[in-house]
Protein backbone atom coordinates (compact mmCIF):
# COMPACT_ATOMS: atom_id res chain seq x y z
CA MET A 1 -25.25 -176.28 -33.61
CA PRO A 2 -22.24 -178.59 -34.10
CA SER A 3 -19.29 -178.04 -31.80
CA ALA A 4 -15.73 -177.30 -32.91
CA ASP A 5 -14.89 -180.96 -32.29
CA THR A 6 -17.56 -182.46 -34.55
CA GLY A 7 -17.14 -180.29 -37.61
CA LEU A 8 -19.89 -178.92 -39.81
CA SER A 9 -21.73 -180.71 -42.56
CA LEU A 10 -21.92 -179.17 -46.01
CA PRO A 11 -25.65 -178.87 -46.74
CA THR A 12 -26.52 -177.95 -50.29
CA CYS A 13 -28.54 -174.78 -50.44
CA PHE A 14 -28.98 -174.93 -54.19
CA THR A 15 -29.26 -177.70 -56.76
CA SER A 16 -27.00 -180.66 -56.07
CA GLY A 17 -23.86 -180.67 -58.17
CA ILE A 18 -23.46 -176.90 -58.35
CA LEU A 19 -20.14 -175.55 -57.10
CA GLU A 20 -21.12 -173.44 -54.11
CA ALA A 21 -18.85 -170.76 -52.65
CA GLY A 22 -19.11 -169.82 -48.99
CA VAL A 23 -18.26 -166.19 -48.26
CA ASP A 24 -17.49 -164.34 -45.03
CA GLU A 25 -15.62 -161.26 -43.81
CA ALA A 26 -13.35 -160.32 -40.91
CA GLY A 27 -12.47 -157.00 -39.35
CA ARG A 28 -15.72 -155.17 -39.83
CA GLY A 29 -15.74 -153.89 -36.24
CA CYS A 30 -12.07 -152.87 -36.13
CA LEU A 31 -10.83 -149.32 -35.70
CA ALA A 32 -7.85 -149.71 -38.05
CA GLY A 33 -6.79 -151.58 -41.15
CA SER A 34 -8.62 -153.14 -44.05
CA VAL A 35 -11.69 -155.35 -43.92
CA TYR A 36 -10.93 -158.80 -45.32
CA ALA A 37 -13.23 -161.32 -46.97
CA ALA A 38 -12.73 -164.85 -48.23
CA ALA A 39 -14.61 -167.11 -50.62
CA VAL A 40 -14.16 -170.88 -50.49
CA ILE A 41 -15.44 -173.74 -52.64
CA LEU A 42 -14.98 -177.04 -50.82
CA PRO A 43 -15.12 -180.52 -52.38
CA ASP A 44 -18.33 -182.43 -51.67
CA ASP A 45 -16.52 -184.95 -49.49
CA PHE A 46 -14.63 -182.40 -47.40
CA HIS A 47 -14.85 -182.86 -43.66
CA HIS A 48 -12.68 -181.88 -40.75
CA PRO A 49 -13.64 -182.26 -37.08
CA TRP A 50 -12.47 -178.74 -36.20
CA ILE A 51 -14.21 -176.81 -38.96
CA ASN A 52 -16.48 -174.16 -37.48
CA ASP A 53 -17.03 -170.43 -37.08
CA SER A 54 -13.53 -168.95 -36.72
CA LYS A 55 -14.54 -167.10 -33.55
CA LYS A 56 -15.08 -170.45 -31.82
CA LEU A 57 -11.59 -171.70 -32.61
CA THR A 58 -8.25 -171.03 -31.00
CA GLU A 59 -5.65 -169.11 -32.97
CA ARG A 60 -3.58 -172.28 -33.29
CA ARG A 61 -6.48 -174.27 -34.75
CA ARG A 62 -7.36 -171.47 -37.16
CA THR A 63 -3.78 -171.43 -38.39
CA GLU A 64 -3.71 -175.19 -38.86
CA LEU A 65 -7.07 -175.16 -40.62
CA ARG A 66 -5.98 -172.38 -42.96
CA SER A 67 -3.27 -174.64 -44.40
CA ILE A 68 -5.72 -177.54 -44.74
CA ILE A 69 -8.43 -175.42 -46.39
CA GLU A 70 -6.04 -173.79 -48.83
CA ALA A 71 -4.61 -177.18 -49.78
CA GLU A 72 -7.88 -179.08 -50.13
CA ALA A 73 -10.37 -176.50 -51.40
CA VAL A 74 -11.54 -176.66 -55.00
CA ALA A 75 -10.82 -172.93 -55.01
CA TRP A 76 -10.34 -170.12 -52.52
CA GLY A 77 -9.80 -166.40 -52.73
CA VAL A 78 -9.23 -163.46 -50.40
CA GLY A 79 -10.25 -159.86 -51.03
CA ILE A 80 -9.85 -156.63 -49.09
CA ALA A 81 -11.28 -153.15 -48.91
CA THR A 82 -8.86 -150.64 -47.45
CA HIS A 83 -9.40 -148.28 -44.52
CA THR A 84 -9.62 -145.45 -47.07
CA GLU A 85 -12.40 -147.21 -48.97
CA ILE A 86 -14.18 -147.91 -45.68
CA ASP A 87 -14.14 -144.20 -44.86
CA GLU A 88 -15.29 -143.29 -48.36
CA ILE A 89 -18.20 -145.72 -48.85
CA ASN A 90 -18.96 -146.97 -45.27
CA ILE A 91 -18.12 -150.28 -43.66
CA LEU A 92 -21.13 -152.24 -44.96
CA ARG A 93 -20.45 -151.39 -48.59
CA ALA A 94 -16.73 -151.94 -48.08
CA SER A 95 -17.37 -155.38 -46.57
CA ILE A 96 -19.48 -156.37 -49.57
CA LEU A 97 -16.81 -154.94 -51.91
CA ALA A 98 -14.21 -157.13 -50.19
CA MET A 99 -16.53 -160.14 -50.61
CA HIS A 100 -16.90 -159.45 -54.34
CA ARG A 101 -13.13 -159.17 -54.66
CA ALA A 102 -12.71 -162.49 -52.84
CA ILE A 103 -15.07 -164.13 -55.34
CA ASP A 104 -13.14 -162.44 -58.16
CA ALA A 105 -10.01 -164.15 -56.83
CA LEU A 106 -11.48 -167.66 -57.16
CA LYS A 107 -9.84 -169.68 -59.91
CA VAL A 108 -13.13 -171.52 -60.46
CA THR A 109 -16.40 -169.70 -61.05
CA PRO A 110 -19.06 -170.82 -58.56
CA GLY A 111 -22.58 -171.71 -59.59
CA ALA A 112 -23.98 -170.36 -56.34
CA ILE A 113 -22.88 -168.22 -53.41
CA ILE A 114 -23.87 -168.40 -49.76
CA VAL A 115 -22.91 -165.52 -47.49
CA ASP A 116 -22.66 -165.14 -43.73
CA GLY A 117 -24.94 -162.42 -42.38
CA ASN A 118 -27.98 -160.75 -43.87
CA ARG A 119 -26.59 -158.24 -46.37
CA PHE A 120 -25.09 -158.77 -49.81
CA THR A 121 -25.46 -157.37 -53.31
CA PRO A 122 -25.68 -159.42 -56.51
CA TYR A 123 -22.45 -160.71 -57.97
CA ARG A 124 -22.75 -160.97 -61.75
CA ASP A 125 -25.71 -163.27 -62.46
CA ILE A 126 -24.81 -165.93 -59.88
CA GLN A 127 -27.58 -167.03 -57.53
CA TRP A 128 -26.94 -166.23 -53.89
CA GLN A 129 -28.42 -166.43 -50.43
CA THR A 130 -27.50 -164.98 -47.03
CA PHE A 131 -27.59 -166.83 -43.70
CA VAL A 132 -27.38 -165.23 -40.28
CA LYS A 133 -24.73 -167.13 -38.30
CA GLY A 134 -23.99 -169.10 -41.45
CA ASP A 135 -20.38 -169.55 -40.31
CA GLY A 136 -21.70 -171.88 -37.61
CA ARG A 137 -23.95 -173.80 -40.02
CA PHE A 138 -22.14 -174.33 -43.30
CA ALA A 139 -18.63 -175.70 -43.74
CA ASN A 140 -17.82 -173.54 -46.76
CA ILE A 141 -18.80 -170.33 -44.93
CA ALA A 142 -16.88 -171.49 -41.85
CA ALA A 143 -13.84 -172.11 -44.05
CA ALA A 144 -14.21 -168.60 -45.50
CA SER A 145 -14.42 -167.14 -42.01
CA ILE A 146 -11.19 -168.92 -41.07
CA LEU A 147 -9.32 -167.67 -44.13
CA ALA A 148 -10.58 -164.12 -43.77
CA LYS A 149 -9.67 -164.05 -40.08
CA THR A 150 -6.20 -165.58 -40.42
CA HIS A 151 -5.21 -163.47 -43.44
CA ARG A 152 -6.34 -160.31 -41.68
CA ASP A 153 -4.67 -161.22 -38.38
CA GLN A 154 -1.42 -161.88 -40.20
CA ALA A 155 -1.62 -158.50 -41.94
CA MET A 156 -2.32 -156.63 -38.69
CA THR A 157 0.55 -158.41 -36.93
CA GLU A 158 2.90 -157.32 -39.72
CA LEU A 159 1.57 -153.74 -39.61
CA SER A 160 2.10 -153.64 -35.85
CA GLN A 161 5.84 -153.52 -36.51
CA GLN A 162 5.33 -150.11 -38.15
CA TYR A 163 3.00 -148.86 -35.40
CA PRO A 164 4.00 -150.76 -32.25
CA GLN A 165 2.30 -148.31 -29.87
CA TYR A 166 -1.16 -149.65 -30.81
CA HIS A 167 -0.33 -153.32 -30.11
CA TRP A 168 -2.12 -154.61 -33.21
CA GLU A 169 -0.24 -157.90 -32.87
CA VAL A 170 -2.49 -158.48 -29.85
CA ASN A 171 -5.76 -156.61 -30.51
CA LYS A 172 -5.66 -156.89 -34.33
CA GLY A 173 -7.23 -153.43 -34.57
CA TYR A 174 -10.34 -154.21 -32.54
CA PRO A 175 -11.63 -151.55 -30.09
CA THR A 176 -10.08 -152.89 -26.90
CA ARG A 177 -9.56 -150.59 -23.95
CA ASP A 178 -5.80 -150.59 -24.49
CA HIS A 179 -6.19 -149.80 -28.18
CA ARG A 180 -8.47 -146.84 -27.48
CA ALA A 181 -6.07 -145.65 -24.76
CA ALA A 182 -3.18 -145.76 -27.25
CA ILE A 183 -5.19 -143.69 -29.75
CA ALA A 184 -5.97 -141.17 -27.01
CA GLN A 185 -2.28 -140.95 -26.10
CA TYR A 186 -0.66 -140.99 -29.55
CA GLY A 187 -3.47 -139.96 -31.86
CA PRO A 188 -4.70 -142.06 -34.79
CA SER A 189 -2.27 -143.68 -37.21
CA PRO A 190 -2.55 -143.26 -40.98
CA LEU A 191 -4.30 -146.66 -41.03
CA HIS A 192 -7.09 -145.84 -38.60
CA ARG A 193 -10.65 -145.51 -39.92
CA THR A 194 -11.41 -141.84 -39.43
CA THR A 195 -15.19 -142.27 -39.73
CA PHE A 196 -15.21 -144.60 -36.72
CA ARG A 197 -15.45 -143.43 -33.12
CA LEU A 198 -11.82 -144.01 -32.22
CA VAL A 199 -11.70 -142.88 -28.59
């Protein structure tokens, strides 16, 4: 697997010349907040030595890459499913809903979709394929993982100002020991996912 300092190639999974959107989500395992997804169509000649799975990058590099991706992509879009929707339809369905909304937000309709993970549902009549650990294999999925992660982190940092006791500016809603301790002490906020095991 390429390292964060070599960048990822952009293999074509479908017929050459088709605009292919990479799709990924962020925040699926969090205890609070929305799940975010992004869809990205990159130009054929796009390359950056840092591009990789967002989890393998520092926060600073993710932030820098977000600006580059949003400036150079053929099209990009971000979608969310709220904590309420997560509780109503479950996190898997909500993650896929956020992915569909991210594709909806693209200003260019893709001819094919590749998705990180192993679960997806058809989007219109567009051909699609899933790839486990696709964010470490395909540049367009990696770019989507970076956008989903940075947009969600920004949102959680802003929400932390309303609920400072949970320290979302640090844990971003993930189930850290300190986050669970804060829930035990203060109770859940209105943005916590009530169907998750919070404490």
